[in-house]
Amino acid sequence: MQRALLVVVFGLLAGCAARGPLKTYEGPERPLAELAVVSVPEEIQVMAVDGREPPPNLLRSGTQLALLPGEHVFSLRYVQLFQLSGDDHDVIRSRQAALRFNAAAGSEYRLEIPRQANHDQALQFAKDPQFRLVDVRGGNAVESAPIKSYAEASLIDTIQKAFDAQGEPQRPVTNLDLLKDVWGRTSPEERNAFRSWLDQQGK
């Protein structure tokens, strides 16, 4: 009976292992040669992929994600458990941060963070987490841009496309551009509330 149970358990584990990277794209399955694979260590949680919340199994850390080639934005969070004493522990969770990058078909990447040697370092790191993407085969950091949120990335895209459509030369989108765009989208009530808040900042 025990042997039969072990066979079933090992069979299930083998089946899970055979599934490979978790699919993050819509449509039919594609061969790995047409995809990019990103490995996620235990200390990093992927909270969203391209602005979409993943299914619960994607929130697991220590897994691999399969992406279509092209530009992507990951919403990430640093999470680590520290054993403070025999019965006392603390789970450090950072605020969410986003990383924007271009993935190439057939490539393998790995998300990384600086190693946090102790609880105090982890607390400090969680205030402003820094993530980077590394090409597994080349060992080099992949060009990526940290952003505050996926919403910010979408806003930058909208403004950049507007510049391109007007025939203006491409240039980096500044904070002033973002402020102007947001101001143009607000209602009169929101503008008055913002003016009141702004007045308070100078006092």
Protein backbone atom coordinates (compact mmCIF):
# COMPACT_ATOMS: atom_id res chain seq x y z
CA MET A 1 0.00 0.00 0.00
CA GLN A 2 2.78 2.38 0.98
CA ARG A 3 4.71 1.54 -2.17
CA ALA A 4 1.65 2.23 -4.31
CA LEU A 5 1.15 5.58 -2.57
CA LEU A 6 4.77 6.55 -3.18
CA VAL A 7 4.44 5.66 -6.85
CA VAL A 8 1.39 7.94 -7.13
CA VAL A 9 3.14 10.81 -5.32
CA PHE A 10 6.29 10.55 -7.45
CA GLY A 11 4.15 10.32 -10.56
CA LEU A 12 2.37 13.56 -9.62
CA LEU A 13 5.67 15.29 -8.91
CA ALA A 14 7.09 14.13 -12.23
CA GLY A 15 3.98 15.40 -13.98
CA CYS A 16 4.38 18.82 -12.35
CA ALA A 17 8.04 18.96 -13.32
CA ALA A 18 7.22 17.97 -16.90
CA ARG A 19 4.93 20.94 -17.36
CA GLY A 20 7.89 23.30 -17.63
CA PRO A 21 7.61 27.10 -17.43
CA LEU A 22 4.23 28.57 -16.53
CA LYS A 23 2.38 30.10 -19.48
CA THR A 24 1.70 33.85 -19.16
CA TYR A 25 0.34 34.52 -22.65
CA GLU A 26 -2.99 33.89 -24.33
CA GLY A 27 -3.61 31.50 -27.19
CA PRO A 28 -2.25 28.04 -27.97
CA GLU A 29 0.93 26.62 -26.49
CA ARG A 30 4.11 27.57 -28.33
CA PRO A 31 7.48 25.82 -28.48
CA LEU A 32 10.15 27.19 -26.15
CA ALA A 33 12.20 28.34 -29.15
CA GLU A 34 9.49 30.95 -29.82
CA LEU A 35 9.29 32.11 -26.20
CA ALA A 36 11.39 33.83 -23.55
CA VAL A 37 11.74 32.11 -20.18
CA VAL A 38 12.24 34.08 -16.95
CA SER A 39 13.35 32.34 -13.74
CA VAL A 40 12.02 33.85 -10.51
CA PRO A 41 13.95 33.24 -7.25
CA GLU A 42 12.31 32.51 -3.92
CA GLU A 43 12.71 36.12 -2.70
CA ILE A 44 10.76 37.69 -5.59
CA GLN A 45 7.02 37.53 -6.23
CA VAL A 46 5.58 38.43 -9.62
CA MET A 47 2.38 40.31 -8.79
CA ALA A 48 1.39 41.19 -12.37
CA VAL A 49 2.56 40.62 -15.92
CA ASP A 50 1.87 43.47 -18.36
CA GLY A 51 -0.73 44.97 -16.04
CA ARG A 52 -2.70 41.74 -15.64
CA GLU A 53 -2.89 39.91 -12.35
CA PRO A 54 -1.67 36.36 -12.85
CA PRO A 55 -3.57 33.27 -11.67
CA PRO A 56 -2.75 32.19 -8.08
CA ASN A 57 -0.11 29.68 -9.16
CA LEU A 58 1.89 32.47 -10.76
CA LEU A 59 2.18 34.23 -7.42
CA ARG A 60 4.47 31.47 -6.27
CA SER A 61 8.12 32.30 -6.09
CA GLY A 62 10.91 30.05 -7.26
CA THR A 63 9.34 29.26 -10.62
CA GLN A 64 9.77 29.95 -14.34
CA LEU A 65 7.53 32.06 -16.57
CA ALA A 66 7.11 31.70 -20.34
CA LEU A 67 6.60 34.98 -22.23
CA LEU A 68 6.02 35.95 -25.81
CA PRO A 69 8.94 37.94 -27.27
CA GLY A 70 8.62 41.71 -27.09
CA GLU A 71 8.24 44.37 -24.42
CA HIS A 72 6.92 43.40 -21.00
CA VAL A 73 6.34 45.01 -17.61
CA PHE A 74 6.59 42.94 -14.44
CA SER A 75 5.11 44.17 -11.17
CA LEU A 76 7.40 42.69 -8.52
CA ARG A 77 7.70 42.45 -4.76
CA TYR A 78 10.58 41.40 -2.53
CA VAL A 79 9.52 38.88 0.16
CA GLN A 80 11.83 37.10 2.59
CA LEU A 81 11.38 35.26 5.87
CA PHE A 82 13.87 35.94 8.68
CA GLN A 83 14.14 33.77 11.79
CA LEU A 84 14.80 36.23 14.61
CA SER A 85 14.92 33.71 17.46
CA GLY A 86 13.71 30.21 18.28
CA ASP A 87 10.00 30.98 17.97
CA ASP A 88 10.09 34.49 16.56
CA HIS A 89 10.22 35.27 12.84
CA ASP A 90 9.44 38.17 10.56
CA VAL A 91 8.37 38.25 6.91
CA ILE A 92 9.75 41.30 5.09
CA ARG A 93 7.58 42.48 2.19
CA SER A 94 8.52 45.42 0.02
CA ARG A 95 6.20 47.76 -1.80
CA GLN A 96 5.53 46.75 -5.37
CA ALA A 97 7.93 47.98 -8.03
CA ALA A 98 7.83 47.50 -11.78
CA LEU A 99 10.48 46.49 -14.26
CA ARG A 100 10.16 47.12 -17.99
CA PHE A 101 12.23 45.13 -20.52
CA ASN A 102 12.34 43.57 -23.98
CA ALA A 103 12.41 39.77 -24.19
CA ALA A 104 13.92 37.92 -27.15
CA ALA A 105 12.59 34.61 -28.44
CA GLY A 106 14.66 31.61 -27.38
CA SER A 107 16.31 33.53 -24.52
CA GLU A 108 16.52 32.61 -20.84
CA TYR A 109 16.54 35.29 -18.15
CA ARG A 110 16.77 35.38 -14.37
CA LEU A 111 15.34 38.01 -12.03
CA GLU A 112 17.83 39.08 -9.37
CA ILE A 113 18.10 41.30 -6.30
CA PRO A 114 21.11 42.15 -4.13
CA ARG A 115 21.60 39.60 -1.34
CA GLN A 116 20.25 40.83 1.99
CA ALA A 117 22.60 39.55 4.67
CA ASN A 118 20.42 40.30 7.68
CA HIS A 119 17.05 41.54 8.89
CA ASP A 120 18.08 45.21 9.11
CA GLN A 121 19.44 45.23 5.56
CA ALA A 122 16.24 43.60 4.31
CA LEU A 123 14.07 46.23 6.02
CA GLN A 124 16.07 48.99 4.37
CA PHE A 125 15.99 47.29 0.97
CA ALA A 126 12.21 46.79 1.17
CA LYS A 127 11.73 50.57 1.26
CA ASP A 128 13.21 50.93 -2.23
CA PRO A 129 13.63 47.49 -3.84
CA GLN A 130 15.88 47.21 -6.89
CA PHE A 131 15.32 44.38 -9.36
CA ARG A 132 17.36 43.47 -12.41
CA LEU A 133 17.12 40.96 -15.23
CA VAL A 134 20.12 38.86 -16.24
CA ASP A 135 20.69 36.89 -19.44
CA VAL A 136 21.34 33.36 -18.16
CA ARG A 137 23.50 32.33 -21.12
CA GLY A 138 25.59 35.47 -21.37
CA GLY A 139 25.60 36.35 -17.69
CA ASN A 140 25.06 40.02 -18.50
CA ALA A 141 22.38 42.32 -17.14
CA VAL A 142 19.61 42.95 -19.65
CA GLU A 143 18.68 46.54 -20.41
CA SER A 144 15.60 47.27 -18.31
CA ALA A 145 13.94 50.30 -16.79
CA PRO A 146 12.55 50.43 -13.25
CA ILE A 147 9.23 52.30 -13.12
CA LYS A 148 6.86 53.10 -10.30
CA SER A 149 3.90 51.17 -11.70
CA TYR A 150 2.45 49.63 -14.83
CA ALA A 151 0.05 52.58 -15.00
CA GLU A 152 3.06 54.89 -15.34
CA ALA A 153 4.42 52.75 -18.17
CA SER A 154 1.09 52.92 -19.99
CA LEU A 155 0.94 56.69 -19.51
CA ILE A 156 4.45 57.12 -20.88
CA ASP A 157 3.51 55.02 -23.90
CA THR A 158 0.42 57.15 -24.53
CA ILE A 159 2.39 60.41 -24.42
CA GLN A 160 5.26 59.02 -26.50
CA LYS A 161 2.84 57.87 -29.21
CA ALA A 162 1.24 61.31 -29.21
CA PHE A 163 4.67 62.91 -29.79
CA ASP A 164 5.43 60.47 -32.61
CA ALA A 165 2.06 61.09 -34.26
CA GLN A 166 2.73 64.84 -34.29
CA GLY A 167 6.00 64.26 -36.08
CA GLU A 168 8.08 65.62 -33.22
CA PRO A 169 11.52 64.10 -32.67
CA GLN A 170 11.60 61.25 -30.19
CA ARG A 171 12.79 62.27 -26.77
CA PRO A 172 12.50 60.89 -23.24
CA VAL A 173 9.19 61.64 -21.53
CA THR A 174 9.78 63.93 -18.54
CA ASN A 175 7.92 64.31 -15.26
CA LEU A 176 6.62 67.62 -16.60
CA ASP A 177 5.07 65.80 -19.57
CA LEU A 178 3.40 63.36 -17.18
CA LEU A 179 2.06 66.18 -15.01
CA LYS A 180 0.66 68.02 -18.03
CA ASP A 181 -1.03 64.90 -19.30
CA VAL A 182 -2.58 64.04 -15.93
CA TRP A 183 -3.73 67.67 -15.47
CA GLY A 184 -5.49 67.53 -18.82
CA ARG A 185 -7.42 64.44 -17.72
CA THR A 186 -8.65 65.81 -14.38
CA SER A 187 -12.04 67.33 -13.58
CA PRO A 188 -12.49 70.90 -12.27
CA GLU A 189 -13.16 69.51 -8.79
CA GLU A 190 -9.94 67.49 -8.88
CA ARG A 191 -7.96 70.53 -10.04
CA ASN A 192 -9.33 72.64 -7.17
CA ALA A 193 -8.48 69.89 -4.70
CA PHE A 194 -4.96 69.72 -6.12
CA ARG A 195 -4.53 73.50 -5.90
CA SER A 196 -5.58 73.35 -2.22
CA TRP A 197 -3.07 70.58 -1.59
CA LEU A 198 -0.36 72.54 -3.43
CA ASP A 199 -1.04 75.63 -1.30
CA GLN A 200 -0.55 73.54 1.83
CA GLN A 201 2.87 72.32 0.65
CA GLY A 202 4.31 75.83 0.73
CA LYS A 203 3.25 76.50 4.34
